Amino acid sequence: MANVYVEPRPKGCQEGSAIDDYVVEDGADQVLKTFKTQKEAIDWAKQQGDHPLVARVRHRNDKKNPDHWRSA
């Protein structure tokens, strides 16, 4: 079971700004799939046998820092 990251787009936007969509990325920042909702992204990742992680704070999403992520 690999860790994958569910992130809102556009990337790095501040809290309160509009979210266009959500992407599921691997640890190398490669987009695996895009979804309209975070729930759809999480459900898809679980169906693929992966372990989805979501950012604790939207504009802090360093994949190398485990404190920035929580299990979905």
PDB file of N, CA and C in Angstrom:
ATOM      1  N   MET A   1       0.844  -1.171   0.000  1.00  0.00           N
ATOM      2  CA  MET A   1       0.000   0.000   0.000  1.00  0.00           C
ATOM      3  C   MET A   1       0.895   1.243   0.000  1.00  0.00           C
ATOM      4  N   ALA A   2       0.823   2.011  -1.052  1.00  0.00           N
ATOM      5  CA  ALA A   2       1.657   3.208  -1.185  1.00  0.00           C
ATOM      6  C   ALA A   2       0.919   4.445  -0.689  1.00  0.00           C
ATOM      7  N   ASN A   3       1.674   5.391  -0.152  1.00  0.00           N
ATOM      8  CA  ASN A   3       1.086   6.675   0.202  1.00  0.00           C
ATOM      9  C   ASN A   3       0.869   7.488  -1.059  1.00  0.00           C
ATOM     10  N   VAL A   4      -0.313   8.092  -1.162  1.00  0.00           N
ATOM     11  CA  VAL A   4      -0.601   9.057  -2.220  1.00  0.00           C
ATOM     12  C   VAL A   4      -1.153  10.304  -1.544  1.00  0.00           C
ATOM     13  N   TYR A   5      -1.065  11.422  -2.228  1.00  0.00           N
ATOM     14  CA  TYR A   5      -1.395  12.711  -1.648  1.00  0.00           C
ATOM     15  C   TYR A   5      -2.555  13.340  -2.401  1.00  0.00           C
ATOM     16  N   VAL A   6      -3.598  13.721  -1.664  1.00  0.00           N
ATOM     17  CA  VAL A   6      -4.764  14.375  -2.251  1.00  0.00           C
ATOM     18  C   VAL A   6      -4.592  15.872  -2.003  1.00  0.00           C
ATOM     19  N   GLU A   7      -4.471  16.616  -3.108  1.00  0.00           N
ATOM     20  CA  GLU A   7      -4.209  18.049  -2.996  1.00  0.00           C
ATOM     21  C   GLU A   7      -5.208  18.871  -3.794  1.00  0.00           C
ATOM     22  N   PRO A   8      -5.604  20.033  -3.237  1.00  0.00           N
ATOM     23  CA  PRO A   8      -6.480  20.932  -3.989  1.00  0.00           C
ATOM     24  C   PRO A   8      -5.683  21.692  -5.036  1.00  0.00           C
ATOM     25  N   ARG A   9      -6.349  22.055  -6.111  1.00  0.00           N
ATOM     26  CA  ARG A   9      -5.736  22.879  -7.162  1.00  0.00           C
ATOM     27  C   ARG A   9      -6.527  24.144  -7.299  1.00  0.00           C
ATOM     28  N   PRO A  10      -5.966  25.273  -7.582  1.00  0.00           N
ATOM     29  CA  PRO A  10      -4.550  25.466  -7.863  1.00  0.00           C
ATOM     30  C   PRO A  10      -3.702  25.269  -6.609  1.00  0.00           C
ATOM     31  N   LYS A  11      -2.518  24.758  -6.822  1.00  0.00           N
ATOM     32  CA  LYS A  11      -1.586  24.406  -5.764  1.00  0.00           C
ATOM     33  C   LYS A  11      -1.071  25.658  -5.060  1.00  0.00           C
ATOM     34  N   GLY A  12      -0.975  25.583  -3.742  1.00  0.00           N
ATOM     35  CA  GLY A  12      -0.369  26.656  -2.970  1.00  0.00           C
ATOM     36  C   GLY A  12      -1.247  27.864  -2.719  1.00  0.00           C
ATOM     37  N   CYS A  13      -2.536  27.782  -3.018  1.00  0.00           N
ATOM     38  CA  CYS A  13      -3.438  28.911  -2.777  1.00  0.00           C
ATOM     39  C   CYS A  13      -3.719  29.057  -1.285  1.00  0.00           C
ATOM     40  N   GLN A  14      -4.043  30.244  -0.876  1.00  0.00           N
ATOM     41  CA  GLN A  14      -4.332  30.521   0.528  1.00  0.00           C
ATOM     42  C   GLN A  14      -5.722  30.037   0.906  1.00  0.00           C
ATOM     43  N   GLU A  15      -5.946  29.881   2.216  1.00  0.00           N
ATOM     44  CA  GLU A  15      -7.252  29.495   2.724  1.00  0.00           C
ATOM     45  C   GLU A  15      -8.302  30.488   2.237  1.00  0.00           C
ATOM     46  N   GLY A  16      -9.467  29.981   1.893  1.00  0.00           N
ATOM     47  CA  GLY A  16     -10.561  30.826   1.480  1.00  0.00           C
ATOM     48  C   GLY A  16     -10.640  31.085  -0.013  1.00  0.00           C
ATOM     49  N   SER A  17      -9.589  30.779  -0.757  1.00  0.00           N
ATOM     50  CA  SER A  17      -9.635  30.972  -2.203  1.00  0.00           C
ATOM     51  C   SER A  17     -10.311  29.760  -2.850  1.00  0.00           C
ATOM     52  N   ALA A  18     -10.820  29.962  -4.054  1.00  0.00           N
ATOM     53  CA  ALA A  18     -11.579  28.908  -4.739  1.00  0.00           C
ATOM     54  C   ALA A  18     -10.701  27.717  -5.105  1.00  0.00           C
ATOM     55  N   ILE A  19     -11.282  26.526  -4.999  1.00  0.00           N
ATOM     56  CA  ILE A  19     -10.611  25.284  -5.395  1.00  0.00           C
ATOM     57  C   ILE A  19     -11.212  24.844  -6.717  1.00  0.00           C
ATOM     58  N   ASP A  20     -10.357  24.627  -7.715  1.00  0.00           N
ATOM     59  CA  ASP A  20     -10.823  24.174  -9.033  1.00  0.00           C
ATOM     60  C   ASP A  20     -11.131  22.683  -9.037  1.00  0.00           C
ATOM     61  N   ASP A  21     -10.207  21.890  -8.459  1.00  0.00           N
ATOM     62  CA  ASP A  21     -10.375  20.448  -8.409  1.00  0.00           C
ATOM     63  C   ASP A  21      -9.360  19.875  -7.434  1.00  0.00           C
ATOM     64  N   TYR A  22      -9.382  18.558  -7.310  1.00  0.00           N
ATOM     65  CA  TYR A  22      -8.442  17.848  -6.433  1.00  0.00           C
ATOM     66  C   TYR A  22      -7.684  16.833  -7.270  1.00  0.00           C
ATOM     67  N   VAL A  23      -6.408  16.668  -6.959  1.00  0.00           N
ATOM     68  CA  VAL A  23      -5.602  15.682  -7.660  1.00  0.00           C
ATOM     69  C   VAL A  23      -5.044  14.675  -6.667  1.00  0.00           C
ATOM     70  N   VAL A  24      -4.833  13.472  -7.162  1.00  0.00           N
ATOM     71  CA  VAL A  24      -4.122  12.451  -6.399  1.00  0.00           C
ATOM     72  C   VAL A  24      -2.735  12.389  -7.008  1.00  0.00           C
ATOM     73  N   GLU A  25      -1.719  12.613  -6.163  1.00  0.00           N
ATOM     74  CA  GLU A  25      -0.324  12.605  -6.627  1.00  0.00           C
ATOM     75  C   GLU A  25       0.454  11.532  -5.900  1.00  0.00           C
ATOM     76  N   ASP A  26       1.498  11.040  -6.559  1.00  0.00           N
ATOM     77  CA  ASP A  26       2.424  10.139  -5.884  1.00  0.00           C
ATOM     78  C   ASP A  26       3.508  10.969  -5.197  1.00  0.00           C
ATOM     79  N   GLY A  27       4.451  10.324  -4.579  1.00  0.00           N
ATOM     80  CA  GLY A  27       5.513  11.023  -3.860  1.00  0.00           C
ATOM     81  C   GLY A  27       6.445  11.822  -4.738  1.00  0.00           C
ATOM     82  N   ALA A  28       6.420  11.591  -6.058  1.00  0.00           N
ATOM     83  CA  ALA A  28       7.270  12.317  -7.008  1.00  0.00           C
ATOM     84  C   ALA A  28       6.507  13.461  -7.682  1.00  0.00           C
ATOM     85  N   ASP A  29       5.370  13.861  -7.120  1.00  0.00           N
ATOM     86  CA  ASP A  29       4.538  14.959  -7.635  1.00  0.00           C
ATOM     87  C   ASP A  29       3.900  14.665  -8.986  1.00  0.00           C
ATOM     88  N   GLN A  30       3.804  13.418  -9.367  1.00  0.00           N
ATOM     89  CA  GLN A  30       3.135  13.067 -10.624  1.00  0.00           C
ATOM     90  C   GLN A  30       1.643  12.897 -10.356  1.00  0.00           C
ATOM     91  N   VAL A  31       0.825  13.589 -11.145  1.00  0.00           N
ATOM     92  CA  VAL A  31      -0.627  13.505 -10.996  1.00  0.00           C
ATOM     93  C   VAL A  31      -1.096  12.150 -11.519  1.00  0.00           C
ATOM     94  N   LEU A  32      -1.814  11.426 -10.666  1.00  0.00           N
ATOM     95  CA  LEU A  32      -2.346  10.125 -11.048  1.00  0.00           C
ATOM     96  C   LEU A  32      -3.761  10.256 -11.609  1.00  0.00           C
ATOM     97  N   LYS A  33      -4.549  11.184 -11.029  1.00  0.00           N
ATOM     98  CA  LYS A  33      -5.919  11.380 -11.492  1.00  0.00           C
ATOM     99  C   LYS A  33      -6.461  12.670 -10.878  1.00  0.00           C
ATOM    100  N   THR A  34      -7.438  13.287 -11.559  1.00  0.00           N
ATOM    101  CA  THR A  34      -8.056  14.538 -11.123  1.00  0.00           C
ATOM    102  C   THR A  34      -9.533  14.313 -10.845  1.00  0.00           C
ATOM    103  N   PHE A  35     -10.048  14.987  -9.792  1.00  0.00           N
ATOM    104  CA  PHE A  35     -11.444  14.835  -9.382  1.00  0.00           C
ATOM    105  C   PHE A  35     -12.040  16.182  -9.012  1.00  0.00           C
ATOM    106  N   LYS A  36     -13.360  16.260  -9.034  1.00  0.00           N
ATOM    107  CA  LYS A  36     -14.058  17.492  -8.652  1.00  0.00           C
ATOM    108  C   LYS A  36     -14.140  17.655  -7.140  1.00  0.00           C
ATOM    109  N   THR A  37     -14.179  16.537  -6.394  1.00  0.00           N
ATOM    110  CA  THR A  37     -14.280  16.636  -4.939  1.00  0.00           C
ATOM    111  C   THR A  37     -13.159  15.857  -4.265  1.00  0.00           C
ATOM    112  N   GLN A  38     -12.869  16.261  -3.036  1.00  0.00           N
ATOM    113  CA  GLN A  38     -11.845  15.580  -2.258  1.00  0.00           C
ATOM    114  C   GLN A  38     -12.293  14.152  -1.931  1.00  0.00           C
ATOM    115  N   LYS A  39     -13.568  13.978  -1.635  1.00  0.00           N
ATOM    116  CA  LYS A  39     -14.086  12.645  -1.317  1.00  0.00           C
ATOM    117  C   LYS A  39     -13.904  11.685  -2.488  1.00  0.00           C
ATOM    118  N   GLU A  40     -14.195  12.140  -3.702  1.00  0.00           N
ATOM    119  CA  GLU A  40     -14.000  11.289  -4.880  1.00  0.00           C
ATOM    120  C   GLU A  40     -12.541  10.874  -5.015  1.00  0.00           C
ATOM    121  N   ALA A  41     -11.634  11.815  -4.754  1.00  0.00           N
ATOM    122  CA  ALA A  41     -10.200  11.524  -4.854  1.00  0.00           C
ATOM    123  C   ALA A  41      -9.774  10.501  -3.803  1.00  0.00           C
ATOM    124  N   ILE A  42     -10.250  10.672  -2.588  1.00  0.00           N
ATOM    125  CA  ILE A  42      -9.916   9.742  -1.503  1.00  0.00           C
ATOM    126  C   ILE A  42     -10.476   8.354  -1.793  1.00  0.00           C
ATOM    127  N   ASP A  43     -11.733   8.299  -2.204  1.00  0.00           N
ATOM    128  CA  ASP A  43     -12.362   7.001  -2.504  1.00  0.00           C
ATOM    129  C   ASP A  43     -11.621   6.272  -3.623  1.00  0.00           C
ATOM    130  N   TRP A  44     -11.239   7.003  -4.671  1.00  0.00           N
ATOM    131  CA  TRP A  44     -10.513   6.386  -5.790  1.00  0.00           C
ATOM    132  C   TRP A  44      -9.169   5.822  -5.323  1.00  0.00           C
ATOM    133  N   ALA A  45      -8.447   6.610  -4.520  1.00  0.00           N
ATOM    134  CA  ALA A  45      -7.135   6.153  -4.034  1.00  0.00           C
ATOM    135  C   ALA A  45      -7.274   4.866  -3.219  1.00  0.00           C
ATOM    136  N   LYS A  46      -8.293   4.808  -2.380  1.00  0.00           N
ATOM    137  CA  LYS A  46      -8.524   3.603  -1.575  1.00  0.00           C
ATOM    138  C   LYS A  46      -8.874   2.411  -2.457  1.00  0.00           C
ATOM    139  N   GLN A  47      -9.672   2.647  -3.499  1.00  0.00           N
ATOM    140  CA  GLN A  47     -10.031   1.562  -4.424  1.00  0.00           C
ATOM    141  C   GLN A  47      -8.808   1.024  -5.153  1.00  0.00           C
ATOM    142  N   GLN A  48      -7.803   1.879  -5.353  1.00  0.00           N
ATOM    143  CA  GLN A  48      -6.576   1.457  -6.019  1.00  0.00           C
ATOM    144  C   GLN A  48      -5.628   0.725  -5.065  1.00  0.00           C
ATOM    145  N   GLY A  49      -5.986   0.674  -3.783  1.00  0.00           N
ATOM    146  CA  GLY A  49      -5.154   0.000  -2.792  1.00  0.00           C
ATOM    147  C   GLY A  49      -4.097   0.902  -2.190  1.00  0.00           C
ATOM    148  N   ASP A  50      -4.238   2.202  -2.387  1.00  0.00           N
ATOM    149  CA  ASP A  50      -3.266   3.156  -1.848  1.00  0.00           C
ATOM    150  C   ASP A  50      -3.750   3.741  -0.526  1.00  0.00           C
ATOM    151  N   HIS A  51      -2.850   4.418   0.159  1.00  0.00           N
ATOM    152  CA  HIS A  51      -3.144   5.059   1.436  1.00  0.00           C
ATOM    153  C   HIS A  51      -3.178   6.574   1.205  1.00  0.00           C
ATOM    154  N   PRO A  52      -4.379   7.174   1.075  1.00  0.00           N
ATOM    155  CA  PRO A  52      -4.460   8.606   0.795  1.00  0.00           C
ATOM    156  C   PRO A  52      -4.161   9.468   2.016  1.00  0.00           C
ATOM    157  N   LEU A  53      -3.420  10.529   1.778  1.00  0.00           N
ATOM    158  CA  LEU A  53      -3.099  11.516   2.803  1.00  0.00           C
ATOM    159  C   LEU A  53      -3.587  12.878   2.317  1.00  0.00           C
ATOM    160  N   VAL A  54      -4.111  13.691   3.231  1.00  0.00           N
ATOM    161  CA  VAL A  54      -4.554  15.034   2.884  1.00  0.00           C
ATOM    162  C   VAL A  54      -3.775  16.034   3.733  1.00  0.00           C
ATOM    163  N   ALA A  55      -3.580  17.231   3.192  1.00  0.00           N
ATOM    164  CA  ALA A  55      -2.801  18.261   3.880  1.00  0.00           C
ATOM    165  C   ALA A  55      -3.557  18.751   5.117  1.00  0.00           C
ATOM    166  N   ARG A  56      -2.828  18.933   6.211  1.00  0.00           N
ATOM    167  CA  ARG A  56      -3.434  19.486   7.425  1.00  0.00           C
ATOM    168  C   ARG A  56      -3.786  20.957   7.215  1.00  0.00           C
ATOM    169  N   VAL A  57      -2.927  21.672   6.506  1.00  0.00           N
ATOM    170  CA  VAL A  57      -3.142  23.082   6.178  1.00  0.00           C
ATOM    171  C   VAL A  57      -2.942  23.219   4.677  1.00  0.00           C
ATOM    172  N   ARG A  58      -3.873  23.866   4.013  1.00  0.00           N
ATOM    173  CA  ARG A  58      -3.903  23.877   2.549  1.00  0.00           C
ATOM    174  C   ARG A  58      -2.620  24.353   1.882  1.00  0.00           C
ATOM    175  N   HIS A  59      -2.020  25.421   2.365  1.00  0.00           N
ATOM    176  CA  HIS A  59      -0.837  25.960   1.693  1.00  0.00           C
ATOM    177  C   HIS A  59       0.471  25.389   2.248  1.00  0.00           C
ATOM    178  N   ARG A  60       0.391  24.423   3.143  1.00  0.00           N
ATOM    179  CA  ARG A  60       1.577  23.733   3.650  1.00  0.00           C
ATOM    180  C   ARG A  60       1.469  22.278   3.250  1.00  0.00           C
ATOM    181  N   ASN A  61       2.183  21.907   2.215  1.00  0.00           N
ATOM    182  CA  ASN A  61       2.038  20.539   1.723  1.00  0.00           C
ATOM    183  C   ASN A  61       3.367  19.968   1.245  1.00  0.00           C
ATOM    184  N   ASP A  62       4.359  20.029   2.130  1.00  0.00           N
ATOM    185  CA  ASP A  62       5.667  19.443   1.838  1.00  0.00           C
ATOM    186  C   ASP A  62       5.582  17.933   2.060  1.00  0.00           C
ATOM    187  N   LYS A  63       5.696  17.174   1.006  1.00  0.00           N
ATOM    188  CA  LYS A  63       5.557  15.715   1.103  1.00  0.00           C
ATOM    189  C   LYS A  63       6.662  15.078   1.948  1.00  0.00           C
ATOM    190  N   LYS A  64       7.764  15.771   2.128  1.00  0.00           N
ATOM    191  CA  LYS A  64       8.865  15.226   2.928  1.00  0.00           C
ATOM    192  C   LYS A  64       8.655  15.446   4.429  1.00  0.00           C
ATOM    193  N   ASN A  65       7.656  16.260   4.791  1.00  0.00           N
ATOM    194  CA  ASN A  65       7.376  16.539   6.198  1.00  0.00           C
ATOM    195  C   ASN A  65       6.073  15.847   6.597  1.00  0.00           C
ATOM    196  N   PRO A  66       6.146  14.732   7.312  1.00  0.00           N
ATOM    197  CA  PRO A  66       4.936  13.986   7.678  1.00  0.00           C
ATOM    198  C   PRO A  66       3.968  14.777   8.553  1.00  0.00           C
ATOM    199  N   ASP A  67       4.439  15.809   9.242  1.00  0.00           N
ATOM    200  CA  ASP A  67       3.551  16.623  10.076  1.00  0.00           C
ATOM    201  C   ASP A  67       2.572  17.441   9.244  1.00  0.00           C
ATOM    202  N   HIS A  68       2.820  17.607   7.957  1.00  0.00           N
ATOM    203  CA  HIS A  68       1.942  18.384   7.078  1.00  0.00           C
ATOM    204  C   HIS A  68       0.755  17.555   6.570  1.00  0.00           C
ATOM    205  N   TRP A  69       0.712  16.253   6.893  1.00  0.00           N
ATOM    206  CA  TRP A  69      -0.285  15.367   6.318  1.00  0.00           C
ATOM    207  C   TRP A  69      -1.021  14.575   7.370  1.00  0.00           C
ATOM    208  N   ARG A  70      -2.269  14.220   7.060  1.00  0.00           N
ATOM    209  CA  ARG A  70      -3.039  13.326   7.927  1.00  0.00           C
ATOM    210  C   ARG A  70      -3.681  12.255   7.056  1.00  0.00           C
ATOM    211  N   SER A  71      -3.931  11.132   7.650  1.00  0.00           N
ATOM    212  CA  SER A  71      -4.548  10.019   6.941  1.00  0.00           C
ATOM    213  C   SER A  71      -5.998  10.336   6.631  1.00  0.00           C
ATOM    214  N   ALA A  72      -6.448   9.946   5.449  1.00  0.00           N
ATOM    215  CA  ALA A  72      -7.845  10.219   5.063  1.00  0.00           C
ATOM    216  C   ALA A  72      -8.723   9.029   5.351  1.00  0.00           C
TER     217      ALA A  72
END
